[in-house]
C-alpha atoms as a PDB file:
ATOM      1  CA  MET A   1     -26.418  -9.147 -26.481  1.00  0.00           C
ATOM      2  CA  LYS A   2     -27.202  -9.001 -22.873  1.00  0.00           C
ATOM      3  CA  LYS A   3     -25.058  -6.099 -22.384  1.00  0.00           C
ATOM      4  CA  TYR A   4     -27.309  -4.022 -24.549  1.00  0.00           C
ATOM      5  CA  ASN A   5     -30.384  -5.210 -22.799  1.00  0.00           C
ATOM      6  CA  ILE A   6     -29.190  -4.136 -19.303  1.00  0.00           C
ATOM      7  CA  VAL A   7     -27.973  -0.779 -20.676  1.00  0.00           C
ATOM      8  CA  ASN A   8     -31.531  -0.228 -22.191  1.00  0.00           C
ATOM      9  CA  LEU A   9     -33.283  -1.337 -19.306  1.00  0.00           C
ATOM     10  CA  PHE A  10     -30.962   1.017 -17.164  1.00  0.00           C
ATOM     11  CA  PHE A  11     -32.038   4.062 -19.515  1.00  0.00           C
ATOM     12  CA  ILE A  12     -35.694   2.984 -19.503  1.00  0.00           C
ATOM     13  CA  VAL A  13     -35.615   2.890 -15.794  1.00  0.00           C
ATOM     14  CA  LEU A  14     -34.161   6.471 -15.833  1.00  0.00           C
ATOM     15  CA  LEU A  15     -36.569   7.890 -18.348  1.00  0.00           C
ATOM     16  CA  LEU A  16     -39.545   6.439 -16.432  1.00  0.00           C
ATOM     17  CA  SER A  17     -38.470   7.776 -12.994  1.00  0.00           C
ATOM     18  CA  SER A  18     -38.077  11.209 -14.604  1.00  0.00           C
ATOM     19  CA  CYS A  19     -42.019  11.274 -15.683  1.00  0.00           C
ATOM     20  CA  SER A  20     -44.333  13.478 -13.459  1.00  0.00           C
ATOM     21  CA  GLY A  21     -47.394  12.289 -11.941  1.00  0.00           C
ATOM     22  CA  ASP A  22     -48.407  15.712 -11.394  1.00  0.00           C
ATOM     23  CA  ASN A  23     -51.384  16.721 -13.735  1.00  0.00           C
ATOM     24  CA  ASN A  24     -51.673  20.271 -13.039  1.00  0.00           C
ATOM     25  CA  GLY A  25     -48.871  21.331 -15.153  1.00  0.00           C
ATOM     26  CA  THR A  26     -46.324  22.399 -12.667  1.00  0.00           C
ATOM     27  CA  SER A  27     -43.036  21.211 -12.276  1.00  0.00           C
ATOM     28  CA  THR A  28     -41.047  20.204  -9.085  1.00  0.00           C
ATOM     29  CA  ARG A  29     -37.555  19.174  -8.433  1.00  0.00           C
ATOM     30  CA  GLU A  30     -38.771  15.829  -7.462  1.00  0.00           C
ATOM     31  CA  SER A  31     -40.271  15.446 -10.873  1.00  0.00           C
ATOM     32  CA  GLU A  32     -36.952  16.224 -12.689  1.00  0.00           C
ATOM     33  CA  PRO A  33     -34.632  13.718 -11.082  1.00  0.00           C
ATOM     34  CA  LEU A  34     -32.265  13.805 -14.034  1.00  0.00           C
ATOM     35  CA  GLN A  35     -31.610  17.378 -13.725  1.00  0.00           C
ATOM     36  CA  ALA A  36     -28.950  18.921 -11.866  1.00  0.00           C
ATOM     37  CA  ALA A  37     -29.361  21.512  -9.517  1.00  0.00           C
ATOM     38  CA  GLY A  38     -27.976  25.067 -10.501  1.00  0.00           C
ATOM     39  CA  GLY A  39     -27.309  26.640 -13.837  1.00  0.00           C
ATOM     40  CA  ASP A  40     -29.110  26.619 -17.114  1.00  0.00           C
ATOM     41  CA  ARG A  41     -28.545  23.208 -18.787  1.00  0.00           C
ATOM     42  CA  ASN A  42     -30.145  21.427 -21.625  1.00  0.00           C
ATOM     43  CA  LYS A  43     -31.917  18.415 -21.304  1.00  0.00           C
ATOM     44  CA  ASN A  44     -29.304  16.149 -22.592  1.00  0.00           C
ATOM     45  CA  GLY A  45     -26.845  17.834 -20.392  1.00  0.00           C
ATOM     46  CA  GLY A  46     -28.670  16.928 -17.200  1.00  0.00           C
ATOM     47  CA  VAL A  47     -29.210  13.242 -18.523  1.00  0.00           C
ATOM     48  CA  ILE A  48     -25.413  12.803 -19.283  1.00  0.00           C
ATOM     49  CA  GLU A  49     -24.313  14.581 -15.885  1.00  0.00           C
ATOM     50  CA  ALA A  50     -26.855  12.206 -13.861  1.00  0.00           C
ATOM     51  CA  VAL A  51     -25.679   8.924 -15.660  1.00  0.00           C
ATOM     52  CA  PHE A  52     -21.893   9.879 -15.650  1.00  0.00           C
ATOM     53  CA  GLY A  53     -21.721  12.031 -12.886  1.00  0.00           C
ATOM     54  CA  THR A  54     -20.210  15.648 -12.585  1.00  0.00           C
ATOM     55  CA  SER A  55     -16.537  16.573 -12.355  1.00  0.00           C
ATOM     56  CA  GLU A  56     -15.531  17.565  -8.941  1.00  0.00           C
ATOM     57  CA  GLY A  57     -15.692  21.010  -7.769  1.00  0.00           C
ATOM     58  CA  THR A  58     -18.638  22.005  -9.812  1.00  0.00           C
ATOM     59  CA  GLY A  59     -20.780  22.372  -6.748  1.00  0.00           C
ATOM     60  CA  SER A  60     -23.646  20.216  -8.418  1.00  0.00           C
ATOM     61  CA  GLU A  61     -24.707  17.702  -5.830  1.00  0.00           C
ATOM     62  CA  ALA A  62     -28.447  17.532  -6.222  1.00  0.00           C
ATOM     63  CA  SER A  63     -28.420  14.932  -9.080  1.00  0.00           C
ATOM     64  CA  SER A  64     -30.729  11.928  -8.414  1.00  0.00           C
ATOM     65  CA  ILE A  65     -28.261   9.259  -8.727  1.00  0.00           C
ATOM     66  CA  SER A  66     -25.640   9.339  -5.737  1.00  0.00           C
ATOM     67  CA  VAL A  67     -22.981   7.353  -7.183  1.00  0.00           C
ATOM     68  CA  ASN A  68     -20.302   7.782  -9.877  1.00  0.00           C
ATOM     69  CA  GLY A  69     -21.717   7.180 -13.273  1.00  0.00           C
ATOM     70  CA  TYR A  70     -18.569   6.162 -14.790  1.00  0.00           C
ATOM     71  CA  LEU A  71     -18.051   3.545 -12.200  1.00  0.00           C
ATOM     72  CA  TRP A  72     -21.633   2.363 -12.364  1.00  0.00           C
ATOM     73  CA  ARG A  73     -21.373   1.921 -16.171  1.00  0.00           C
ATOM     74  CA  ALA A  74     -17.720   0.357 -15.901  1.00  0.00           C
ATOM     75  CA  SER A  75     -18.817  -2.082 -13.219  1.00  0.00           C
ATOM     76  CA  LEU A  76     -21.909  -3.136 -15.567  1.00  0.00           C
ATOM     77  CA  ASP A  77     -19.398  -3.753 -18.743  1.00  0.00           C
ATOM     78  CA  THR A  78     -16.717  -5.646 -16.660  1.00  0.00           C
ATOM     79  CA  ILE A  79     -19.120  -8.248 -15.200  1.00  0.00           C
ATOM     80  CA  SER A  80     -21.314  -8.232 -18.262  1.00  0.00           C
ATOM     81  CA  PHE A  81     -20.838 -11.984 -18.523  1.00  0.00           C
ATOM     82  CA  LEU A  82     -22.262 -12.504 -15.236  1.00  0.00           C
ATOM     83  CA  PRO A  83     -26.198 -12.814 -14.758  1.00  0.00           C
ATOM     84  CA  LEU A  84     -27.471  -9.877 -12.731  1.00  0.00           C
ATOM     85  CA  ASN A  85     -29.666 -10.180  -9.616  1.00  0.00           C
ATOM     86  CA  THR A  86     -29.905  -6.826  -8.336  1.00  0.00           C
ATOM     87  CA  ALA A  87     -28.865  -3.602  -9.982  1.00  0.00           C
ATOM     88  CA  ASP A  88     -29.678  -0.364  -8.273  1.00  0.00           C
ATOM     89  CA  PRO A  89     -28.129   2.786  -9.921  1.00  0.00           C
ATOM     90  CA  PHE A  90     -29.413   4.995  -7.144  1.00  0.00           C
ATOM     91  CA  GLY A  91     -27.945   2.967  -4.152  1.00  0.00           C
ATOM     92  CA  GLY A  92     -24.970   2.075  -6.133  1.00  0.00           C
ATOM     93  CA  VAL A  93     -25.536  -1.927  -5.645  1.00  0.00           C
ATOM     94  CA  ILE A  94     -24.870  -4.406  -8.321  1.00  0.00           C
ATOM     95  CA  ILE A  95     -25.317  -8.204  -7.052  1.00  0.00           C
ATOM     96  CA  THR A  96     -25.055 -11.103  -9.654  1.00  0.00           C
ATOM     97  CA  GLU A  97     -26.210 -14.564  -9.519  1.00  0.00           C
ATOM     98  CA  TRP A  98     -24.099 -17.400  -9.054  1.00  0.00           C
ATOM     99  CA  TYR A  99     -22.221 -18.151 -12.215  1.00  0.00           C
ATOM    100  CA  THR A 100     -20.691 -21.605 -12.992  1.00  0.00           C
ATOM    101  CA  PRO A 101     -17.847 -21.073 -15.740  1.00  0.00           C
ATOM    102  CA  PRO A 102     -18.104 -23.698 -18.430  1.00  0.00           C
ATOM    103  CA  GLU A 103     -14.595 -25.006 -17.926  1.00  0.00           C
ATOM    104  CA  SER A 104     -15.009 -25.781 -14.194  1.00  0.00           C
ATOM    105  CA  PRO A 105     -18.750 -26.946 -13.291  1.00  0.00           C
ATOM    106  CA  GLY A 106     -17.457 -27.971 -10.041  1.00  0.00           C
ATOM    107  CA  GLU A 107     -17.289 -24.327  -8.770  1.00  0.00           C
ATOM    108  CA  ARG A 108     -19.593 -21.150  -8.897  1.00  0.00           C
ATOM    109  CA  PHE A 109     -18.660 -17.641  -8.479  1.00  0.00           C
ATOM    110  CA  LYS A 110     -20.951 -14.584  -7.207  1.00  0.00           C
ATOM    111  CA  VAL A 111     -20.081 -10.878  -7.089  1.00  0.00           C
ATOM    112  CA  ASN A 112     -21.283  -7.986  -5.150  1.00  0.00           C
ATOM    113  CA  ILE A 113     -20.099  -4.412  -6.186  1.00  0.00           C
ATOM    114  CA  TYR A 114     -20.955  -1.366  -3.996  1.00  0.00           C
ATOM    115  CA  ILE A 115     -19.956   2.145  -5.327  1.00  0.00           C
ATOM    116  CA  LEU A 116     -20.024   4.137  -2.503  1.00  0.00           C
ATOM    117  CA  ASP A 117     -19.229   7.637  -3.641  1.00  0.00           C
ATOM    118  CA  LYS A 118     -19.992  10.062  -6.486  1.00  0.00           C
ATOM    119  CA  ALA A 119     -16.264  10.516  -7.349  1.00  0.00           C
ATOM    120  CA  LEU A 120     -14.138   8.580  -9.396  1.00  0.00           C
ATOM    121  CA  ARG A 121     -11.964   7.218  -6.681  1.00  0.00           C
ATOM    122  CA  ALA A 122     -10.479   3.893  -5.643  1.00  0.00           C
ATOM    123  CA  ASP A 123     -12.200   4.065  -2.353  1.00  0.00           C
ATOM    124  CA  GLY A 124     -15.261   4.566  -3.628  1.00  0.00           C
ATOM    125  CA  LEU A 125     -15.767   1.235  -4.970  1.00  0.00           C
ATOM    126  CA  ARG A 126     -15.820  -2.176  -2.987  1.00  0.00           C
ATOM    127  CA  VAL A 127     -15.933  -5.602  -4.844  1.00  0.00           C
ATOM    128  CA  THR A 128     -16.672  -8.940  -2.880  1.00  0.00           C
ATOM    129  CA  VAL A 129     -16.254 -12.123  -4.538  1.00  0.00           C
ATOM    130  CA  PHE A 130     -17.947 -15.275  -3.374  1.00  0.00           C
ATOM    131  CA  ARG A 131     -16.823 -18.756  -4.277  1.00  0.00           C
ATOM    132  CA  GLN A 132     -18.489 -22.173  -3.766  1.00  0.00           C
ATOM    133  CA  ARG A 133     -17.425 -25.805  -4.936  1.00  0.00           C
ATOM    134  CA  ARG A 134     -19.441 -28.951  -5.386  1.00  0.00           C
ATOM    135  CA  THR A 135     -18.948 -31.863  -2.964  1.00  0.00           C
ATOM    136  CA  PRO A 136     -19.302 -35.360  -4.203  1.00  0.00           C
ATOM    137  CA  GLY A 137     -22.734 -35.313  -2.593  1.00  0.00           C
ATOM    138  CA  GLU A 138     -23.682 -32.594  -5.028  1.00  0.00           C
ATOM    139  CA  ARG A 139     -23.816 -29.965  -2.310  1.00  0.00           C
ATOM    140  CA  TRP A 140     -22.404 -26.420  -2.507  1.00  0.00           C
ATOM    141  CA  ILE A 141     -19.966 -25.485   0.253  1.00  0.00           C
ATOM    142  CA  GLU A 142     -18.085 -22.140   0.785  1.00  0.00           C
ATOM    143  CA  ALA A 143     -14.472 -22.056  -0.507  1.00  0.00           C
ATOM    144  CA  LYS A 144     -11.863 -19.639  -0.048  1.00  0.00           C
ATOM    145  CA  VAL A 145     -11.446 -16.888  -2.476  1.00  0.00           C
ATOM    146  CA  ASN A 146      -7.928 -15.114  -3.327  1.00  0.00           C
ATOM    147  CA  GLN A 147      -8.000 -11.738  -2.029  1.00  0.00           C
ATOM    148  CA  LYS A 148      -6.530 -10.650  -5.007  1.00  0.00           C
ATOM    149  CA  THR A 149      -9.395 -11.665  -6.965  1.00  0.00           C
ATOM    150  CA  GLY A 150     -11.533  -9.014  -5.646  1.00  0.00           C
ATOM    151  CA  THR A 151      -8.732  -6.397  -5.844  1.00  0.00           C
ATOM    152  CA  ASP A 152      -8.077  -7.462  -9.577  1.00  0.00           C
ATOM    153  CA  LEU A 153     -11.963  -6.959 -10.329  1.00  0.00           C
ATOM    154  CA  GLU A 154     -11.840  -3.607  -8.767  1.00  0.00           C
ATOM    155  CA  ASN A 155      -8.719  -2.677 -10.672  1.00  0.00           C
ATOM    156  CA  ALA A 156     -10.486  -3.404 -14.017  1.00  0.00           C
ATOM    157  CA  ILE A 157     -13.507  -1.803 -13.200  1.00  0.00           C
ATOM    158  CA  LEU A 158     -11.581   1.321 -12.154  1.00  0.00           C
ATOM    159  CA  LYS A 159      -9.401   1.279 -15.381  1.00  0.00           C
ATOM    160  CA  ARG A 160     -12.769   0.931 -17.736  1.00  0.00           C
ATOM    161  CA  ALA A 161     -14.091   3.926 -15.866  1.00  0.00           C
ATOM    162  CA  ARG A 162     -11.184   5.875 -16.297  1.00  0.00           C
ATOM    163  CA  GLN A 163     -11.160   5.065 -20.168  1.00  0.00           C
ATOM    164  CA  MET A 164     -14.830   6.146 -20.457  1.00  0.00           C
ATOM    165  CA  ARG A 165     -14.142   9.434 -18.639  1.00  0.00           C
ATOM    166  CA  ILE A 166     -11.422  10.234 -20.886  1.00  0.00           C
ATOM    167  CA  LYS A 167     -13.313   9.114 -24.182  1.00  0.00           C
ATOM    168  CA  LEU A 168     -16.213  11.468 -23.089  1.00  0.00           C
ATOM    169  CA  GLY A 169     -13.761  14.218 -22.384  1.00  0.00           C
ATOM    170  CA  GLN A 170     -14.305  15.050 -18.835  1.00  0.00           C
END
């Protein structure tokens, strides 16, 4: 249920950001951030390109979202069980709140995801996982996280992004 709320919120933000405050009827590139520059595209094509990115080599770099849409959506899908603190689709930053798994109440996790590129590439994604454990005095202290945890999460996101790209036929 939470996943669908996040998706709806994301599309509402995109929709609202495309509204123009210009009352004189003129349209500028700034009032149409979901439209990619160059070529005649219908409105839905512009929205799809803005959210899911464009294929490499099309020369369309003027989309308002500066990160890969597949990586963005795959990241949100992969960490959907974690409560979100910040999700910035234009900057490519996803930061979760602390999450305590029900099976281990003495530890908690937090994840930061940075999408660094428009291309669907492994080096366009950086995941950092933080872990804390509770002391007998009820304080949270930093605990070591296996480096493989972050790598496994990155791989899961990349796999999901590739699946989404294949499903949408690009």
